[in-house]
Amino acid sequence: MTRDTRRLASTLLTEAEDHRFSASELRQATRMHNARLYPLLEQWLDRGWITDDYDPSPHDAPEQPQPLHYYLVTELGRRELARMS
């Protein structure tokens, strides 16, 4: 297991179960580059450890022209990631 994997697992487990993580929040907390972060997120999505969705807030706000993509840890993910961190 890599240091990046442990760092990402630890970051995802630090917040409440219903906390939604944006990619930028995860990049900042883990200090990971997109080239390493996104493959891990995709792998964990495929395993069912996390889920993703888009922020349902209005998309016409000038400060946020696109819907915010976020990640949420599943119950299965909490169990599996706890073993890693």
Protein backbone atom coordinates (compact mmCIF):
# COMPACT_ATOMS: atom_id res chain seq x y z
CA MET A 1 0.00 0.00 0.00
CA THR A 2 1.36 3.39 -0.93
CA ARG A 3 1.61 6.46 1.21
CA ASP A 4 -0.86 8.19 -1.14
CA THR A 5 -3.38 5.39 -0.63
CA ARG A 6 -3.12 5.65 3.16
CA ARG A 7 -3.29 9.45 3.03
CA LEU A 8 -6.44 9.41 0.89
CA ALA A 9 -8.09 6.72 3.05
CA SER A 10 -7.32 8.68 6.21
CA THR A 11 -8.68 11.90 4.70
CA LEU A 12 -11.93 10.25 3.64
CA LEU A 13 -12.44 8.80 7.13
CA THR A 14 -11.81 12.05 9.04
CA GLU A 15 -15.19 13.59 8.34
CA ALA A 16 -18.75 12.63 9.22
CA GLU A 17 -20.35 9.79 7.27
CA ASP A 18 -22.43 12.16 5.14
CA HIS A 19 -19.57 14.52 4.28
CA ARG A 20 -19.19 15.17 0.56
CA PHE A 21 -15.62 15.66 -0.67
CA SER A 22 -14.78 17.66 -3.76
CA ALA A 23 -11.71 16.68 -5.75
CA SER A 24 -10.07 19.98 -4.89
CA GLU A 25 -10.68 19.36 -1.18
CA LEU A 26 -9.10 15.91 -1.50
CA ARG A 27 -6.13 17.27 -3.48
CA GLN A 28 -5.50 19.93 -0.85
CA ALA A 29 -5.86 17.56 2.12
CA THR A 30 -3.70 14.81 0.63
CA ARG A 31 -1.28 16.97 -1.39
CA MET A 32 -1.77 14.54 -4.27
CA HIS A 33 -1.54 15.41 -7.95
CA ASN A 34 -4.52 14.65 -10.19
CA ALA A 35 -2.49 11.98 -11.98
CA ARG A 36 -2.43 9.93 -8.77
CA LEU A 37 -5.70 11.05 -7.14
CA TYR A 38 -8.14 10.32 -9.96
CA PRO A 39 -7.00 6.75 -10.65
CA LEU A 40 -7.44 5.92 -6.95
CA LEU A 41 -10.88 7.52 -6.89
CA GLU A 42 -11.90 5.58 -10.01
CA GLN A 43 -10.61 2.33 -8.52
CA TRP A 44 -12.51 2.91 -5.29
CA LEU A 45 -15.66 3.86 -7.21
CA ASP A 46 -15.42 0.54 -9.08
CA ARG A 47 -15.04 -1.33 -5.78
CA GLY A 48 -18.05 0.43 -4.27
CA TRP A 49 -16.00 2.09 -1.52
CA ILE A 50 -17.05 5.55 -2.60
CA THR A 51 -19.84 6.97 -4.69
CA ASP A 52 -19.95 10.19 -6.66
CA ASP A 53 -22.57 12.70 -7.64
CA TYR A 54 -23.01 16.35 -8.55
CA ASP A 55 -24.06 19.17 -6.27
CA PRO A 56 -27.76 19.86 -6.77
CA SER A 57 -27.27 23.60 -6.16
CA PRO A 58 -28.26 26.05 -8.87
CA HIS A 59 -25.76 25.97 -11.72
CA ASP A 60 -26.34 29.53 -12.88
CA ALA A 61 -24.42 31.06 -9.97
CA PRO A 62 -21.55 33.11 -11.44
CA GLU A 63 -19.09 31.89 -8.81
CA GLN A 64 -19.78 28.27 -9.71
CA PRO A 65 -20.61 27.95 -13.41
CA GLN A 66 -20.49 24.14 -13.43
CA PRO A 67 -22.07 21.69 -10.99
CA LEU A 68 -19.64 20.57 -8.31
CA HIS A 69 -18.59 16.93 -8.61
CA TYR A 70 -18.19 15.31 -5.21
CA TYR A 71 -17.38 11.96 -3.57
CA LEU A 72 -19.00 10.27 -0.61
CA VAL A 73 -17.68 7.24 1.30
CA THR A 74 -20.01 4.23 1.39
CA GLU A 75 -20.49 1.99 4.42
CA LEU A 76 -18.46 -0.72 2.68
CA GLY A 77 -15.81 1.90 1.97
CA ARG A 78 -15.63 2.96 5.61
CA ARG A 79 -14.93 -0.60 6.64
CA GLU A 80 -12.34 -1.23 3.90
CA LEU A 81 -10.61 2.14 4.22
CA ALA A 82 -10.39 1.79 8.00
CA ARG A 83 -8.27 -1.32 7.41
CA MET A 84 -5.90 0.71 5.24
CA SER A 85 -5.36 3.78 7.39
